[in-house]
N, C-alpha and C. Protein backbone atom coordinates (compact mmCIF):
# COMPACT_ATOMS: atom_id res chain seq x y z
N MET A 1 68.52 14.22 -41.18
CA MET A 1 67.32 14.01 -40.39
C MET A 1 66.40 15.22 -40.56
N LYS A 2 65.14 14.96 -40.91
CA LYS A 2 64.17 16.02 -41.12
C LYS A 2 63.51 16.37 -39.79
N VAL A 3 63.48 17.65 -39.50
CA VAL A 3 62.87 18.13 -38.27
C VAL A 3 61.59 18.87 -38.62
N ASN A 4 60.46 18.42 -38.05
CA ASN A 4 59.19 19.11 -38.28
C ASN A 4 59.13 20.33 -37.39
N LYS A 5 58.85 21.47 -37.99
CA LYS A 5 58.72 22.69 -37.22
C LYS A 5 57.32 23.25 -37.42
N HIS A 6 56.74 23.68 -36.34
CA HIS A 6 55.43 24.30 -36.39
C HIS A 6 55.59 25.79 -36.21
N GLY A 7 54.68 26.53 -36.79
CA GLY A 7 54.69 27.98 -36.62
C GLY A 7 53.28 28.48 -36.39
N ILE A 8 53.18 29.74 -36.05
CA ILE A 8 51.88 30.36 -35.84
C ILE A 8 51.31 30.72 -37.20
N PRO A 9 50.13 30.18 -37.56
CA PRO A 9 49.54 30.51 -38.86
C PRO A 9 49.13 31.99 -38.90
N THR A 10 49.31 32.60 -40.05
CA THR A 10 48.97 34.02 -40.21
C THR A 10 48.26 34.23 -41.53
N GLY A 11 47.62 35.39 -41.64
CA GLY A 11 46.96 35.78 -42.88
C GLY A 11 45.51 35.35 -42.94
N GLY A 12 44.74 36.09 -43.67
CA GLY A 12 43.32 35.78 -43.85
C GLY A 12 42.59 35.72 -42.52
N LEU A 13 41.73 34.73 -42.41
CA LEU A 13 40.95 34.55 -41.17
C LEU A 13 41.81 34.09 -40.00
N PHE A 14 43.05 33.65 -40.27
CA PHE A 14 43.92 33.26 -39.17
C PHE A 14 44.23 34.44 -38.26
N SER A 15 44.01 35.66 -38.71
CA SER A 15 44.22 36.81 -37.83
C SER A 15 43.08 36.94 -36.81
N LEU A 16 41.96 36.25 -37.06
CA LEU A 16 40.81 36.33 -36.15
C LEU A 16 40.60 35.07 -35.34
N VAL A 17 40.81 33.90 -35.96
CA VAL A 17 40.54 32.63 -35.29
C VAL A 17 41.68 31.65 -35.51
N SER A 18 41.79 30.69 -34.60
CA SER A 18 42.83 29.67 -34.71
C SER A 18 42.51 28.64 -35.79
N CYS A 19 41.23 28.38 -36.02
CA CYS A 19 40.81 27.34 -36.96
C CYS A 19 39.77 27.86 -37.96
N PRO A 20 40.19 28.67 -38.93
CA PRO A 20 39.21 29.20 -39.88
C PRO A 20 38.57 28.14 -40.76
N HIS A 21 39.25 27.02 -40.97
CA HIS A 21 38.68 25.94 -41.78
C HIS A 21 37.49 25.31 -41.05
N TYR A 22 37.56 25.18 -39.73
CA TYR A 22 36.42 24.69 -38.95
C TYR A 22 35.30 25.72 -38.97
N PHE A 23 35.64 26.98 -38.87
CA PHE A 23 34.65 28.06 -38.91
C PHE A 23 33.89 28.03 -40.24
N GLY A 24 34.61 27.81 -41.33
CA GLY A 24 33.97 27.72 -42.65
C GLY A 24 33.01 26.55 -42.75
N GLU A 25 33.40 25.42 -42.17
CA GLU A 25 32.50 24.26 -42.19
C GLU A 25 31.24 24.51 -41.38
N VAL A 26 31.41 25.11 -40.21
CA VAL A 26 30.24 25.44 -39.38
C VAL A 26 29.33 26.39 -40.13
N LEU A 27 29.89 27.40 -40.80
CA LEU A 27 29.08 28.33 -41.58
C LEU A 27 28.32 27.61 -42.69
N PHE A 28 28.98 26.66 -43.35
CA PHE A 28 28.32 25.89 -44.41
C PHE A 28 27.10 25.15 -43.87
N TYR A 29 27.29 24.43 -42.77
CA TYR A 29 26.19 23.63 -42.22
C TYR A 29 25.05 24.51 -41.70
N VAL A 30 25.39 25.59 -41.03
CA VAL A 30 24.34 26.49 -40.51
C VAL A 30 23.61 27.17 -41.65
N SER A 31 24.32 27.61 -42.68
CA SER A 31 23.64 28.26 -43.81
C SER A 31 22.75 27.28 -44.56
N THR A 32 23.16 26.03 -44.66
CA THR A 32 22.31 25.02 -45.29
C THR A 32 21.05 24.79 -44.46
N LEU A 33 21.20 24.79 -43.14
CA LEU A 33 20.04 24.66 -42.25
C LEU A 33 19.07 25.82 -42.45
N VAL A 34 19.60 27.03 -42.59
CA VAL A 34 18.75 28.21 -42.82
C VAL A 34 18.03 28.08 -44.16
N MET A 35 18.75 27.61 -45.20
CA MET A 35 18.11 27.46 -46.51
C MET A 35 17.02 26.39 -46.49
N LEU A 36 17.20 25.36 -45.69
CA LEU A 36 16.18 24.31 -45.59
C LEU A 36 14.98 24.75 -44.75
N SER A 37 15.14 25.82 -44.01
CA SER A 37 14.08 26.38 -43.16
C SER A 37 13.48 25.35 -42.21
N GLY A 38 14.30 24.47 -41.71
CA GLY A 38 13.81 23.47 -40.76
C GLY A 38 13.00 22.37 -41.40
N ALA A 39 13.01 22.25 -42.74
CA ALA A 39 12.22 21.24 -43.44
C ALA A 39 12.72 19.83 -43.15
N CYS A 40 13.97 19.69 -42.83
CA CYS A 40 14.55 18.37 -42.56
C CYS A 40 15.06 18.36 -41.11
N ARG A 41 14.33 17.66 -40.26
CA ARG A 41 14.70 17.63 -38.84
C ARG A 41 16.02 16.90 -38.61
N CYS A 42 16.31 15.93 -39.44
CA CYS A 42 17.58 15.21 -39.30
C CYS A 42 18.75 16.15 -39.50
N TRP A 43 18.59 17.13 -40.40
CA TRP A 43 19.67 18.06 -40.67
C TRP A 43 19.99 18.89 -39.42
N CYS A 44 19.00 19.16 -38.59
CA CYS A 44 19.24 19.88 -37.34
C CYS A 44 20.21 19.10 -36.46
N LEU A 45 20.07 17.78 -36.44
CA LEU A 45 20.98 16.95 -35.65
C LEU A 45 22.38 16.93 -36.26
N VAL A 46 22.45 16.93 -37.57
CA VAL A 46 23.75 16.98 -38.25
C VAL A 46 24.45 18.28 -37.91
N VAL A 47 23.73 19.39 -37.96
CA VAL A 47 24.30 20.70 -37.65
C VAL A 47 24.74 20.76 -36.19
N LEU A 48 23.94 20.24 -35.30
CA LEU A 48 24.29 20.23 -33.89
C LEU A 48 25.56 19.41 -33.65
N TYR A 49 25.63 18.23 -34.25
CA TYR A 49 26.83 17.41 -34.12
C TYR A 49 28.05 18.16 -34.66
N ASN A 50 27.89 18.75 -35.83
CA ASN A 50 28.99 19.48 -36.47
C ASN A 50 29.46 20.63 -35.58
N LEU A 51 28.54 21.37 -35.03
CA LEU A 51 28.89 22.50 -34.18
C LEU A 51 29.64 22.05 -32.92
N VAL A 52 29.15 21.00 -32.28
CA VAL A 52 29.80 20.48 -31.07
C VAL A 52 31.19 19.92 -31.40
N ALA A 53 31.28 19.12 -32.44
CA ALA A 53 32.55 18.48 -32.79
C ALA A 53 33.60 19.52 -33.19
N HIS A 54 33.22 20.47 -34.04
CA HIS A 54 34.19 21.47 -34.49
C HIS A 54 34.56 22.45 -33.37
N THR A 55 33.64 22.75 -32.49
CA THR A 55 33.98 23.60 -31.35
C THR A 55 34.99 22.89 -30.46
N ASN A 56 34.78 21.62 -30.20
CA ASN A 56 35.71 20.84 -29.39
C ASN A 56 37.09 20.79 -30.04
N MET A 57 37.15 20.48 -31.32
CA MET A 57 38.44 20.39 -32.01
C MET A 57 39.14 21.75 -32.05
N ALA A 58 38.38 22.82 -32.29
CA ALA A 58 38.97 24.15 -32.35
C ALA A 58 39.50 24.59 -30.99
N MET A 59 38.76 24.28 -29.93
CA MET A 59 39.22 24.65 -28.59
C MET A 59 40.51 23.90 -28.24
N ASN A 60 40.58 22.62 -28.59
CA ASN A 60 41.80 21.85 -28.34
C ASN A 60 42.98 22.41 -29.12
N ALA A 61 42.77 22.75 -30.38
CA ALA A 61 43.85 23.33 -31.19
C ALA A 61 44.27 24.69 -30.63
N HIS A 62 43.31 25.49 -30.21
CA HIS A 62 43.60 26.82 -29.66
C HIS A 62 44.44 26.70 -28.39
N VAL A 63 44.08 25.78 -27.53
CA VAL A 63 44.85 25.56 -26.29
C VAL A 63 46.26 25.09 -26.64
N TRP A 64 46.39 24.20 -27.62
CA TRP A 64 47.72 23.72 -28.03
C TRP A 64 48.57 24.87 -28.55
N TYR A 65 47.99 25.73 -29.41
CA TYR A 65 48.73 26.88 -29.92
C TYR A 65 49.21 27.77 -28.78
N LYS A 66 48.32 28.04 -27.81
CA LYS A 66 48.69 28.91 -26.69
C LYS A 66 49.80 28.30 -25.83
N GLN A 67 49.74 26.98 -25.62
CA GLN A 67 50.76 26.32 -24.82
C GLN A 67 52.08 26.20 -25.55
N THR A 68 52.02 26.03 -26.86
CA THR A 68 53.22 25.79 -27.65
C THR A 68 53.95 27.09 -28.00
N PHE A 69 53.21 28.14 -28.27
CA PHE A 69 53.81 29.40 -28.70
C PHE A 69 53.53 30.49 -27.68
N GLY A 70 54.58 30.97 -27.05
CA GLY A 70 54.43 32.03 -26.06
C GLY A 70 53.95 33.34 -26.67
N ALA A 71 54.25 33.56 -27.94
CA ALA A 71 53.87 34.81 -28.61
C ALA A 71 52.55 34.69 -29.36
N TYR A 72 51.73 33.71 -29.00
CA TYR A 72 50.46 33.53 -29.71
C TYR A 72 49.55 34.73 -29.45
N PRO A 73 48.93 35.29 -30.49
CA PRO A 73 48.11 36.50 -30.31
C PRO A 73 46.96 36.28 -29.32
N PRO A 74 46.93 37.06 -28.23
CA PRO A 74 45.90 36.86 -27.21
C PRO A 74 44.48 37.24 -27.67
N GLU A 75 44.38 38.10 -28.69
CA GLU A 75 43.05 38.51 -29.15
C GLU A 75 42.41 37.50 -30.10
N ARG A 76 43.17 36.52 -30.56
CA ARG A 76 42.66 35.51 -31.49
C ARG A 76 41.74 34.54 -30.76
N LYS A 77 40.58 34.27 -31.33
CA LYS A 77 39.61 33.34 -30.76
C LYS A 77 39.82 31.95 -31.36
N ALA A 78 39.14 30.96 -30.80
CA ALA A 78 39.32 29.58 -31.25
C ALA A 78 38.56 29.29 -32.54
N LEU A 79 37.27 29.65 -32.60
CA LEU A 79 36.42 29.23 -33.73
C LEU A 79 35.63 30.35 -34.37
N ILE A 80 34.96 31.16 -33.56
CA ILE A 80 34.07 32.19 -34.08
C ILE A 80 34.67 33.56 -33.79
N PRO A 81 34.95 34.36 -34.82
CA PRO A 81 35.59 35.66 -34.60
C PRO A 81 34.85 36.51 -33.57
N TRP A 82 35.63 37.14 -32.69
CA TRP A 82 35.16 38.06 -31.64
C TRP A 82 34.25 37.41 -30.61
N LEU A 83 34.04 36.11 -30.65
CA LEU A 83 33.09 35.48 -29.74
C LEU A 83 33.69 34.28 -29.00
N LEU A 84 34.05 33.23 -29.72
CA LEU A 84 34.49 31.97 -29.10
C LEU A 84 35.84 31.55 -29.61
């Protein structure tokens, strides 16, 4: 019988945030918005949706990590290093 085991992710951006892959996506969308200089108003809505959705998912994952692992690093943030 195979038993799935979870562990605390480490290395790279995992030392700063619980979900660095979500952080990378948010950076991609925000940087694209900056490059477009507000030329496409629809893109602003896409970025807003992305930011809200990924923040929600990252916060849920962060809470799960904290509840599941007693030794979870307290200084680690959910999505944005040193902030959120």
